[in-house]
């Protein structure tokens, strides 16, 4: 039996069987790959793997229980911490209240708060109920049913004690209620007096605001004037900078002109030297040309003579050839004459060769003449270039004269600008002094405004807190006066988190619904035992 994985090149043991044809067997890694591609089902066939899977499935129920219990514990800790914060904040408020009452010589009211606190402390002392409630709520032992019965009996005992203590509590609450009513009437009268003071403060604030607005308008005018002066100064500084730049440019131009004049003098010296050299070359070349012309004339005369000789020789040769054709059997004398004529022809050929040599020399001299002509053309071009340079120099001199005139004009403008800047500086000093005075006045007014605003803010905060407390109390009274069905509908309308999803839609039984004093939290009691109030 093959125990290894069916996947190629895999040597691991096969523990899982697929539902495909042939029931192929794979290891854990390759069965997951196969299942993702084929979208089939697989199951373990190894008994050890089956046992491990059973153990894991069984243990999952307990892990779920653990996670739920952890979640419950977290929820309870959050609720306990929130209630603790509320108690601490409430105690701080009461402490401040006691402080104010003692300062106002209201010792009886302060003592009533102390008695109320002492009664609450005695009520909180019975911690056994809370422990039993926790054991009932988070218990997983087998003796769960017996402990719940004992828990119920233990809870019912203190209820009898509570009923006997109700009368004493009701009397203390009546006294508290009367004292609170008195406080309410006193607070109401105090609020009316504070409202009158507030109206007066508002009237004063409006007067101060009008003064500040007038002052701010004056301040804005002074700031605008200062901005205009600053802008004018900036323009003047920019123009001065431009003048400085123009002066620098003029200095640079003068330096460039001096350089140009020095370069021009050097160029003139070089050109004069070059012209002298060219004149010397011209004289030499003219002499050579004259000599060449004489030689050319000689050559032409020799050429004419040679041409005549050639014509005569050609005539003699043709004549002799005719005679040779006629007389083939000529005597030796005639042959000698022929030899003589041949010698004459040879001499004529030598003369022709000499004439060709002279012609070559003349051609070389002609090439030299062409080179000389080119040099003459270059000299003419250079003369034209020098004429253009003189024109540019004349234009530059004119520009320099214009720049010098502009410099004189700009110097006058700079003097005018300097006078204006002095005037503006004097004005600036005056405006700065006025600004300093205005800033001192604004600081004084600002401090007064801050004090008024602080008083207003403190009064508004106290008013808001009182209004919020009244709203919360009305909200709590309204909620407590409702039935359970009305409470459920109200909470669904108010969209409390997960209320409709967890309880209403799942049709779970609700024994009682309570709300916290800060209207942030809802306490839902599924059983009668859950409805213990601390």
Protein backbone atom coordinates (compact mmCIF):
# COMPACT_ATOMS: atom_id res chain seq x y z
CA UNK A 1 0.00 0.00 0.00
CA UNK A 2 1.39 3.42 -1.06
CA UNK A 3 1.41 5.74 1.99
CA UNK A 4 3.27 8.71 0.40
CA UNK A 5 1.60 11.84 -1.08
CA UNK A 6 0.38 11.54 -4.72
CA UNK A 7 1.80 14.96 -5.57
CA UNK A 8 4.93 14.76 -7.75
CA UNK A 9 8.29 14.93 -5.94
CA UNK A 10 6.57 14.94 -2.49
CA UNK A 11 7.98 12.42 0.04
CA UNK A 12 5.68 13.26 2.98
CA UNK A 13 3.10 10.87 4.44
CA UNK A 14 -0.47 11.07 3.00
CA UNK A 15 -3.15 11.63 5.67
CA UNK A 16 -6.04 13.07 3.62
CA UNK A 17 -8.28 11.45 0.99
CA UNK A 18 -10.05 13.39 -1.82
CA UNK A 19 -13.58 12.71 -3.22
CA UNK A 20 -12.34 12.87 -6.84
CA UNK A 21 -12.12 9.77 -9.11
CA UNK A 22 -9.73 7.15 -7.70
CA UNK A 23 -9.79 8.86 -4.26
CA UNK A 24 -6.22 10.29 -4.47
CA UNK A 25 -4.37 10.75 -1.18
CA UNK A 26 -2.30 13.84 -0.29
CA UNK A 27 -0.45 15.44 2.59
CA UNK A 28 -1.97 18.43 4.45
CA UNK A 29 -0.28 21.09 2.28
CA UNK A 30 -0.99 19.52 -1.13
CA UNK A 31 -4.63 18.56 -0.32
CA UNK A 32 -5.35 22.28 0.26
CA UNK A 33 -3.72 23.15 -3.09
CA UNK A 34 -5.72 20.41 -4.85
CA UNK A 35 -8.99 21.52 -3.19
CA UNK A 36 -8.44 25.18 -4.27
CA UNK A 37 -8.04 24.06 -7.91
CA UNK A 38 -10.60 21.18 -8.15
CA UNK A 39 -13.19 22.59 -5.65
CA UNK A 40 -13.78 19.11 -4.21
CA UNK A 41 -14.15 17.75 -0.64
CA UNK A 42 -11.59 15.85 1.43
CA UNK A 43 -11.54 13.79 4.63
CA UNK A 44 -8.87 12.17 6.82
CA UNK A 45 -8.34 8.42 6.46
CA UNK A 46 -5.50 8.03 8.96
CA UNK A 47 -7.01 7.05 12.38
CA UNK A 48 -4.52 9.28 14.23
CA UNK A 49 -5.56 12.33 12.18
CA UNK A 50 -9.26 11.51 12.74
CA UNK A 51 -8.70 11.41 16.52
CA UNK A 52 -6.81 14.76 16.41
CA UNK A 53 -9.65 16.34 14.37
CA UNK A 54 -12.25 15.06 16.89
CA UNK A 55 -10.22 16.48 19.78
CA UNK A 56 -10.00 19.87 18.04
CA UNK A 57 -13.75 20.01 17.29
CA UNK A 58 -14.53 19.08 20.89
CA UNK A 59 -12.10 21.66 22.22
CA UNK A 60 -13.55 24.40 19.97
CA UNK A 61 -16.73 24.48 22.09
CA UNK A 62 -14.65 25.22 25.18
CA UNK A 63 -12.58 27.86 23.37
CA UNK A 64 -15.86 29.52 22.31
CA UNK A 65 -16.98 29.46 25.95
CA UNK A 66 -13.64 30.99 26.97
CA UNK A 67 -13.92 33.79 24.40
CA UNK A 68 -17.53 34.53 25.40
CA UNK A 69 -16.60 34.61 29.10
CA UNK A 70 -13.66 36.94 28.33
CA UNK A 71 -16.00 39.20 26.35
CA UNK A 72 -18.50 39.20 29.22
CA UNK A 73 -15.78 39.97 31.74
CA UNK A 74 -14.52 42.85 29.55
CA UNK A 75 -18.06 44.21 29.24
CA UNK A 76 -18.53 44.00 33.02
CA UNK A 77 -15.22 45.72 33.72
CA UNK A 78 -16.13 48.51 31.28
CA UNK A 79 -19.53 48.95 32.91
CA UNK A 80 -18.04 48.89 36.43
CA UNK A 81 -15.35 51.43 35.44
CA UNK A 82 -17.96 53.72 33.84
CA UNK A 83 -20.17 53.53 36.95
CA UNK A 84 -17.11 54.19 39.11
CA UNK A 85 -16.28 57.27 37.02
CA UNK A 86 -19.85 58.51 37.39
CA UNK A 87 -19.69 58.00 41.18
CA UNK A 88 -16.34 59.81 41.39
CA UNK A 89 -17.57 62.73 39.26
CA UNK A 90 -20.78 62.91 41.31
CA UNK A 91 -18.78 62.87 44.55
CA UNK A 92 -16.54 65.68 43.22
CA UNK A 93 -19.64 67.74 42.40
CA UNK A 94 -20.99 67.11 45.90
CA UNK A 95 -17.62 68.10 47.42
CA UNK A 96 -17.69 71.39 45.50
CA UNK A 97 -21.32 71.86 46.59
CA UNK A 98 -20.36 71.32 50.26
CA UNK A 99 -17.53 73.83 49.85
CA UNK A 100 -19.90 76.47 48.41
CA UNK A 101 -22.56 75.75 51.09
CA UNK A 102 -20.08 76.15 53.94
CA UNK A 103 -18.74 79.37 52.39
CA UNK A 104 -22.35 80.66 52.18
CA UNK A 105 -23.03 79.58 55.85
CA UNK A 106 -25.48 76.83 54.80
CA UNK A 107 -24.24 74.16 57.23
CA UNK A 108 -27.54 72.25 57.46
CA UNK A 109 -27.65 71.56 53.73
CA UNK A 110 -24.02 70.45 53.81
CA UNK A 111 -24.80 68.10 56.73
CA UNK A 112 -27.75 66.61 54.77
CA UNK A 113 -25.33 65.70 51.94
CA UNK A 114 -23.00 64.05 54.49
CA UNK A 115 -25.88 61.97 55.98
CA UNK A 116 -26.95 60.94 52.50
CA UNK A 117 -23.37 59.79 51.76
CA UNK A 118 -23.14 57.84 55.03
CA UNK A 119 -26.42 56.02 54.29
CA UNK A 120 -25.11 55.08 50.85
CA UNK A 121 -21.87 53.74 52.36
CA UNK A 122 -23.85 51.49 54.72
CA UNK A 123 -25.94 50.30 51.77
CA UNK A 124 -22.83 49.38 49.75
CA UNK A 125 -21.31 47.25 52.55
CA UNK A 126 -23.09 43.99 51.64
CA UNK A 127 -20.66 42.57 49.01
CA UNK A 128 -21.75 38.93 49.33
CA UNK A 129 -24.72 39.48 47.01
CA UNK A 130 -22.41 40.78 44.31
CA UNK A 131 -20.05 37.78 44.71
CA UNK A 132 -22.95 35.32 44.49
CA UNK A 133 -24.30 37.14 41.46
CA UNK A 134 -20.91 36.89 39.74
CA UNK A 135 -20.65 33.17 40.57
CA UNK A 136 -24.12 32.64 39.12
CA UNK A 137 -23.32 34.73 36.03
CA UNK A 138 -19.88 33.23 35.26
CA UNK A 139 -20.13 29.66 36.70
CA UNK A 140 -19.44 26.49 34.69
CA UNK A 141 -19.31 23.71 37.39
CA UNK A 142 -21.71 20.74 37.51
CA UNK A 143 -23.24 21.94 40.82
CA UNK A 144 -24.71 24.94 38.99
CA UNK A 145 -28.42 24.25 39.74
CA UNK A 146 -27.90 23.76 43.52
CA UNK A 147 -25.88 26.97 43.79
CA UNK A 148 -28.57 29.00 41.99
CA UNK A 149 -31.18 27.85 44.53
CA UNK A 150 -28.94 28.85 47.45
CA UNK A 151 -28.24 32.12 45.66
CA UNK A 152 -32.01 32.85 45.40
CA UNK A 153 -32.52 32.10 49.11
CA UNK A 154 -29.60 34.36 50.05
CA UNK A 155 -30.98 37.18 47.88
CA UNK A 156 -34.52 36.92 49.32
CA UNK A 157 -33.21 37.32 52.91
CA UNK A 158 -31.87 40.89 52.59
CA UNK A 159 -35.10 41.95 50.79
CA UNK A 160 -37.00 41.65 54.08
CA UNK A 161 -34.33 43.77 55.75
CA UNK A 162 -34.57 46.35 52.96
CA UNK A 163 -38.37 46.70 53.37
CA UNK A 164 -37.94 47.51 57.06
CA UNK A 165 -35.31 50.13 56.25
CA UNK A 166 -37.51 51.75 53.56
CA UNK A 167 -39.37 53.99 56.03
CA UNK A 168 -36.18 55.48 57.42
CA UNK A 169 -34.89 56.05 53.88
CA UNK A 170 -38.18 57.69 52.76
CA UNK A 171 -38.03 60.23 55.61
CA UNK A 172 -34.42 61.13 54.79
CA UNK A 173 -35.33 61.47 51.08
CA UNK A 174 -38.28 63.77 51.93
CA UNK A 175 -35.97 66.08 53.86
CA UNK A 176 -33.53 66.01 50.95
CA UNK A 177 -36.36 66.74 48.51
CA UNK A 178 -37.49 69.77 50.52
CA UNK A 179 -33.93 71.07 50.76
CA UNK A 180 -33.43 70.56 47.01
CA UNK A 181 -36.67 72.47 46.28
CA UNK A 182 -35.37 75.33 48.40
CA UNK A 183 -32.09 75.21 46.51
CA UNK A 184 -33.98 75.24 43.21
CA UNK A 185 -35.94 78.40 44.17
CA UNK A 186 -32.75 80.07 45.40
CA UNK A 187 -30.96 79.10 42.18
CA UNK A 188 -33.88 80.42 40.11
CA UNK A 189 -33.77 83.80 41.91
CA UNK A 190 -30.00 83.83 41.53
CA UNK A 191 -30.30 83.08 37.78
CA UNK A 192 -32.70 86.03 37.34
CA UNK A 193 -30.20 88.36 39.06
CA UNK A 194 -27.39 86.93 36.94
CA UNK A 195 -29.46 87.46 33.77
CA UNK A 196 -29.91 91.11 34.70
CA UNK A 197 -26.16 91.40 35.28
CA UNK A 198 -25.59 89.65 31.96
CA UNK A 199 -27.78 92.20 30.15
CA UNK A 200 -25.75 94.99 31.73
CA UNK A 201 -22.50 93.26 30.76
CA UNK A 202 -23.76 92.79 27.19
CA UNK A 203 -24.65 96.50 27.00
CA UNK A 204 -21.16 97.39 28.27
CA UNK A 205 -19.62 94.93 25.80
CA UNK A 206 -21.51 96.56 22.91
CA UNK A 207 -20.24 99.99 23.96
CA UNK A 208 -16.71 98.63 24.22
CA UNK A 209 -17.07 96.89 20.85
CA UNK A 210 -18.19 100.17 19.24
CA UNK A 211 -15.15 101.91 20.73
CA UNK A 212 -12.91 99.08 19.51
CA UNK A 213 -14.46 99.18 16.02
CA UNK A 214 -13.85 102.95 15.78
CA UNK A 215 -10.33 102.44 17.01
CA UNK A 216 -9.76 99.55 14.59
CA UNK A 217 -11.03 101.73 11.71
CA UNK A 218 -8.50 104.43 12.70
CA UNK A 219 -5.85 101.74 13.05
CA UNK A 220 -6.65 100.37 9.58
CA UNK A 221 -6.34 103.89 8.11
CA UNK A 222 -2.94 104.35 9.76
CA UNK A 223 -1.87 100.88 8.59
CA UNK A 224 -2.97 101.72 5.03
CA UNK A 225 -1.02 104.98 5.15
CA UNK A 226 2.01 103.10 6.47
CA UNK A 227 1.62 100.46 3.76
CA UNK A 228 1.47 103.20 1.12
CA UNK A 229 4.60 104.84 2.54
CA UNK A 230 6.35 101.45 2.69
CA UNK A 231 5.31 100.75 -0.91
CA UNK A 232 6.61 104.19 -1.98
CA UNK A 233 9.88 103.53 -0.14
CA UNK A 234 10.16 100.13 -1.85
CA UNK A 235 9.60 101.80 -5.24
CA UNK A 236 12.26 104.39 -4.45
CA UNK A 237 14.68 101.70 -3.24
CA UNK A 238 14.01 99.70 -6.42
CA UNK A 239 14.64 102.80 -8.58
CA UNK A 240 17.85 103.48 -6.60
CA UNK A 241 18.92 99.88 -7.15
CA UNK A 242 18.16 100.29 -10.87
CA UNK A 243 20.29 103.47 -10.94
CA UNK A 244 23.11 101.64 -9.16
CA UNK A 245 22.84 98.86 -11.72
CA UNK A 246 22.87 101.41 -14.59
CA UNK A 247 25.98 103.07 -13.07
CA UNK A 248 27.65 99.68 -12.85
CA UNK A 249 26.67 98.98 -16.47
CA UNK A 250 28.11 102.36 -17.55
CA UNK A 251 31.37 101.60 -15.72
CA UNK A 252 31.50 98.20 -17.41
CA UNK A 253 30.80 99.88 -20.78
CA UNK A 254 33.63 102.38 -20.19
CA UNK A 255 36.01 99.51 -19.36
CA UNK A 256 34.87 97.68 -22.52
CA UNK A 257 35.32 100.89 -24.60
CA UNK A 258 38.86 101.32 -23.25
CA UNK A 259 39.61 97.71 -24.10
CA UNK A 260 38.07 98.21 -27.54
CA UNK A 261 40.18 101.34 -28.20
CA UNK A 262 43.37 99.55 -27.15
CA UNK A 263 42.45 96.56 -29.35
CA UNK A 264 41.63 98.99 -32.18
CA UNK A 265 45.06 100.65 -31.93
CA UNK A 266 46.75 97.26 -31.94
CA UNK A 267 44.69 96.20 -34.97
CA UNK A 268 45.54 99.46 -36.78
CA UNK A 269 49.25 98.90 -36.14
CA UNK A 270 48.97 95.31 -37.36
CA UNK A 271 46.99 96.39 -40.45
CA UNK A 272 49.51 99.16 -41.28
CA UNK A 273 52.36 96.66 -41.02
CA UNK A 274 50.43 94.19 -43.14
CA UNK A 275 49.63 96.91 -45.73
CA UNK A 276 53.34 97.80 -45.94
CA UNK A 277 54.23 94.13 -46.43
CA UNK A 278 51.54 93.81 -49.09
CA UNK A 279 52.78 96.98 -50.85
CA UNK A 280 56.30 95.53 -50.94
CA UNK A 281 54.90 92.28 -52.28
CA UNK A 282 52.93 94.29 -54.87
CA UNK A 283 56.04 96.09 -56.05
CA UNK A 284 57.91 92.82 -56.38
CA UNK A 285 55.00 91.14 -58.11
CA UNK A 286 54.62 94.09 -60.54
CA UNK A 287 58.31 93.80 -61.43
CA UNK A 288 57.91 90.06 -61.92
CA UNK A 289 54.81 90.68 -64.05
CA UNK A 290 56.74 93.11 -66.27
CA UNK A 291 59.56 90.57 -66.68
CA UNK A 292 57.02 87.85 -67.38
CA UNK A 293 55.29 90.03 -69.98
CA UNK A 294 58.64 90.58 -71.75
CA UNK A 295 59.33 86.83 -71.70
CA UNK A 296 55.80 86.11 -72.93
CA UNK A 297 56.32 88.51 -75.84
CA UNK A 298 59.61 86.74 -76.66
CA UNK A 299 57.89 83.38 -76.36
CA UNK A 300 55.10 84.48 -78.70
CA UNK A 301 57.60 85.70 -81.31
CA UNK A 302 59.57 82.41 -81.01
CA UNK A 303 56.33 80.50 -81.22
CA UNK A 304 55.38 82.29 -84.45
CA UNK A 305 58.82 81.55 -85.91
CA UNK A 306 58.58 77.89 -84.90
CA UNK A 307 55.14 77.62 -86.41
CA UNK A 308 56.55 78.99 -89.69
CA UNK A 309 59.42 76.47 -89.52
CA UNK A 310 56.98 73.70 -88.79
CA UNK A 311 54.83 74.65 -91.74
CA UNK A 312 57.88 74.65 -93.98
CA UNK A 313 59.04 71.32 -92.55
CA UNK A 314 55.63 69.78 -93.02
CA UNK A 315 55.60 71.06 -96.63
CA UNK A 316 59.05 69.59 -97.24
CA UNK A 317 58.04 66.28 -95.61
CA UNK A 318 54.91 66.05 -97.75
CA UNK A 319 56.88 66.96 -100.83
CA UNK A 320 59.53 64.40 -100.01
CA UNK A 321 56.94 61.74 -99.36
CA UNK A 322 55.43 62.44 -102.76
CA UNK A 323 58.84 62.23 -104.33
CA UNK A 324 59.50 58.99 -102.48
CA UNK A 325 56.26 57.57 -103.81
CA UNK A 326 57.20 58.56 -107.35
CA UNK A 327 60.79 57.52 -107.22
CA UNK A 328 61.33 54.35 -105.30
CA UNK A 329 64.51 53.40 -106.99
CA UNK A 330 66.33 56.63 -106.20
CA UNK A 331 70.05 56.93 -106.16
CA UNK A 332 72.30 57.19 -103.15
CA UNK A 333 72.58 60.97 -103.54
CA UNK A 334 68.94 61.38 -103.16
CA UNK A 335 69.02 59.08 -100.13
CA UNK A 336 71.68 61.33 -98.59
CA UNK A 337 69.44 64.31 -99.21
CA UNK A 338 66.67 62.45 -97.51
CA UNK A 339 68.95 61.77 -94.52
CA UNK A 340 69.79 65.47 -94.41
CA UNK A 341 66.15 66.37 -94.47
CA UNK A 342 65.54 63.88 -91.67
CA UNK A 343 68.28 65.51 -89.62
CA UNK A 344 66.64 68.87 -90.23
CA UNK A 345 63.36 67.42 -89.04
CA UNK A 346 65.04 66.15 -85.87
CA UNK A 347 66.50 69.57 -85.18
CA UNK A 348 63.05 71.06 -85.70
CA UNK A 349 61.60 68.57 -83.18
CA UNK A 350 64.24 69.54 -80.62
CA UNK A 351 63.30 73.17 -81.10
CA UNK A 352 59.66 72.26 -80.57
CA UNK A 353 60.52 70.50 -77.28
CA UNK A 354 62.36 73.60 -76.09
CA UNK A 355 59.35 75.72 -76.96
CA UNK A 356 57.12 73.36 -74.92
CA UNK A 357 59.42 73.81 -71.90
CA UNK A 358 59.14 77.60 -72.25
CA UNK A 359 55.35 77.32 -72.46
CA UNK A 360 55.29 75.37 -69.13
CA UNK A 361 57.37 78.08 -67.47
CA UNK A 362 54.97 80.70 -68.75
CA UNK A 363 52.00 78.73 -67.32
CA UNK A 364 53.69 78.62 -63.89
CA UNK A 365 54.23 82.39 -64.08
CA UNK A 366 50.52 82.79 -64.91
CA UNK A 367 49.59 80.79 -61.79
CA UNK A 368 51.76 83.15 -59.71
CA UNK A 369 49.90 86.07 -61.26
CA UNK A 370 46.55 84.48 -60.22
CA UNK A 371 47.81 84.09 -56.63
CA UNK A 372 48.82 87.75 -56.67
CA UNK A 373 45.33 88.72 -57.86
CA UNK A 374 43.79 86.71 -54.99
CA UNK A 375 45.99 88.55 -52.51
CA UNK A 376 44.88 91.85 -54.00
CA UNK A 377 41.25 90.82 -53.48
CA UNK A 378 41.99 89.88 -49.84
CA UNK A 379 43.61 93.27 -49.32
CA UNK A 380 40.51 95.00 -50.69
CA UNK A 381 38.26 92.92 -48.38
CA UNK A 382 40.41 93.85 -45.39
CA UNK A 383 40.15 97.54 -46.32
CA UNK A 384 36.34 97.19 -46.45
CA UNK A 385 36.38 95.48 -43.01
CA UNK A 386 38.42 98.36 -41.58
CA UNK A 387 35.91 100.86 -42.98
CA UNK A 388 33.05 98.95 -41.25
CA UNK A 389 35.00 98.90 -37.98
CA UNK A 390 35.47 102.68 -38.17
CA UNK A 391 31.69 103.04 -38.65
CA UNK A 392 31.01 100.87 -35.55
CA UNK A 393 33.52 102.94 -33.56
CA UNK A 394 31.73 106.12 -34.54
CA UNK A 395 28.38 104.59 -33.41
CA UNK A 396 29.89 103.46 -30.07
CA UNK A 397 31.24 106.96 -29.43
CA UNK A 398 27.77 108.37 -30.02
CA UNK A 399 26.27 105.83 -27.57
CA UNK A 400 28.85 106.77 -24.93
CA UNK A 401 27.90 110.44 -25.31
CA UNK A 402 24.18 109.52 -24.85
CA UNK A 403 24.97 107.41 -21.76
CA UNK A 404 26.96 110.27 -20.21
CA UNK A 405 23.98 112.59 -20.72
CA UNK A 406 21.65 109.97 -19.15
CA UNK A 407 24.03 109.65 -16.18
CA UNK A 408 23.80 113.37 -15.50
CA UNK A 409 19.97 113.22 -15.69
CA UNK A 410 19.83 110.15 -13.40
CA UNK A 411 22.12 111.82 -10.87
CA UNK A 412 19.61 114.67 -10.60
CA UNK A 413 16.74 112.13 -10.22
CA UNK A 414 18.67 110.32 -7.43
CA UNK A 415 19.08 113.59 -5.54
CA UNK A 416 15.31 114.20 -5.82
CA UNK A 417 14.60 110.64 -4.62
CA UNK A 418 16.92 111.08 -1.63
CA UNK A 419 15.04 114.24 -0.60
CA UNK A 420 11.71 112.37 -0.90
CA UNK A 421 13.07 109.43 1.15
CA UNK A 422 14.10 111.82 3.94
CA UNK A 423 10.60 113.30 3.97
CA UNK A 424 9.05 109.81 4.07
CA UNK A 425 11.35 108.73 6.92
CA UNK A 426 10.16 111.73 8.97
CA UNK A 427 6.54 110.75 8.23
CA UNK A 428 7.29 107.14 9.20
CA UNK A 429 8.66 108.19 12.56
CA UNK A 430 5.45 110.13 13.28
CA UNK A 431 3.25 107.20 12.16
CA UNK A 432 5.26 104.72 14.28
CA UNK A 433 4.74 106.87 17.38
CA UNK A 434 0.99 107.01 16.69
CA UNK A 435 0.96 103.23 16.12
CA UNK A 436 2.68 102.60 19.45
CA UNK A 437 0.05 104.70 21.22
CA UNK A 438 -2.71 102.84 19.38
CA UNK A 439 -1.21 99.44 20.31
CA UNK A 440 -1.14 100.42 24.01
CA UNK A 441 -4.81 101.41 23.84
CA UNK A 442 -5.71 98.15 22.04
CA UNK A 443 -3.93 96.08 24.69
CA UNK A 444 -5.90 97.79 27.47
CA UNK A 445 -9.19 97.28 25.62
CA UNK A 446 -8.25 93.69 24.77
CA UNK A 447 -7.60 92.86 28.43
CA UNK A 448 -10.98 94.35 29.38
CA UNK A 449 -12.66 92.33 26.63
CA UNK A 450 -10.93 89.12 27.73
CA UNK A 451 -12.16 89.59 31.30
CA UNK A 452 -15.70 90.20 30.09
CA UNK A 453 -15.55 87.17 27.77
CA UNK A 454 -14.25 84.96 30.58
CA UNK A 455 -17.14 86.05 32.79
CA UNK A 456 -19.61 85.40 29.97
CA UNK A 457 -18.09 81.99 29.20
CA UNK A 458 -18.20 80.88 32.85
CA UNK A 459 -21.82 82.01 33.14
CA UNK A 460 -22.75 80.25 29.86
CA UNK A 461 -21.01 77.02 30.97
CA UNK A 462 -22.90 77.02 34.27
CA UNK A 463 -26.16 77.68 32.41
CA UNK A 464 -25.47 74.83 29.95
CA UNK A 465 -24.62 72.39 32.72
CA UNK A 466 -27.84 73.23 34.58
CA UNK A 467 -29.90 72.89 31.37
CA UNK A 468 -28.22 69.56 30.48
CA UNK A 469 -28.91 68.22 33.98
CA UNK A 470 -32.58 69.26 33.73
CA UNK A 471 -32.88 67.62 30.28
CA UNK A 472 -31.26 64.40 31.54
CA UNK A 473 -33.55 64.29 34.58
CA UNK A 474 -36.63 64.84 32.38
CA UNK A 475 -35.37 62.16 29.98
CA UNK A 476 -34.83 59.67 32.85
CA UNK A 477 -38.26 60.46 34.40
CA UNK A 478 -39.94 60.01 31.02
CA UNK A 479 -38.12 56.71 30.45
CA UNK A 480 -38.93 55.36 33.92
CA UNK A 481 -42.62 56.27 33.57
CA UNK A 482 -42.89 54.08 30.42
CA UNK A 483 -43.97 50.41 30.16
CA UNK A 484 -41.50 47.76 29.00
CA UNK A 485 -43.04 47.71 25.50
CA UNK A 486 -42.91 51.51 25.30
CA UNK A 487 -39.26 51.41 26.45
CA UNK A 488 -38.41 48.88 23.71
CA UNK A 489 -40.09 51.02 21.00
CA UNK A 490 -38.38 54.14 22.33
CA UNK A 491 -34.91 52.51 22.29
CA UNK A 492 -35.47 51.20 18.75
CA UNK A 493 -36.45 54.73 17.61
CA UNK A 494 -33.41 56.27 19.36
CA UNK A 495 -31.12 53.72 17.58
CA UNK A 496 -29.21 52.46 20.64
CA UNK A 497 -26.27 50.30 19.50
CA UNK A 498 -27.08 46.60 18.80
CA UNK A 499 -30.36 46.80 20.82
CA UNK A 500 -32.66 45.89 17.93
CA UNK A 501 -30.21 43.37 16.44
CA UNK A 502 -29.38 41.47 19.65
CA UNK A 503 -32.71 41.52 21.54
CA UNK A 504 -35.74 42.64 19.49
CA UNK A 505 -35.02 40.70 16.27
CA UNK A 506 -34.00 37.54 18.20
CA UNK A 507 -37.23 37.72 20.30
CA UNK A 508 -35.39 37.33 23.59
CA UNK A 509 -37.27 37.70 26.88
CA UNK A 510 -36.70 41.03 28.69
CA UNK A 511 -37.71 41.27 32.36
CA UNK A 512 -36.82 44.94 32.94
CA UNK A 513 -34.96 47.84 31.25
CA UNK A 514 -33.09 50.53 33.24
CA UNK A 515 -31.09 53.59 32.12
CA UNK A 516 -27.94 55.16 33.64
CA UNK A 517 -27.98 58.61 35.27
CA UNK A 518 -25.87 60.09 32.41
CA UNK A 519 -28.27 58.59 29.75
CA UNK A 520 -25.33 56.83 28.01
CA UNK A 521 -25.96 53.20 28.98
CA UNK A 522 -28.96 50.81 29.16
CA UNK A 523 -29.16 47.91 31.61
CA UNK A 524 -31.31 45.01 30.38
CA UNK A 525 -32.42 42.42 32.95
CA UNK A 526 -33.31 39.05 31.44
CA UNK A 527 -34.14 37.51 34.85
CA UNK A 528 -35.41 38.87 38.16
CA UNK A 529 -32.01 38.20 39.72
CA UNK A 530 -30.36 40.56 37.20
CA UNK A 531 -32.43 43.57 38.39
CA UNK A 532 -30.47 44.29 41.62
CA UNK A 533 -29.60 47.98 41.78
CA UNK A 534 -26.43 49.14 43.49
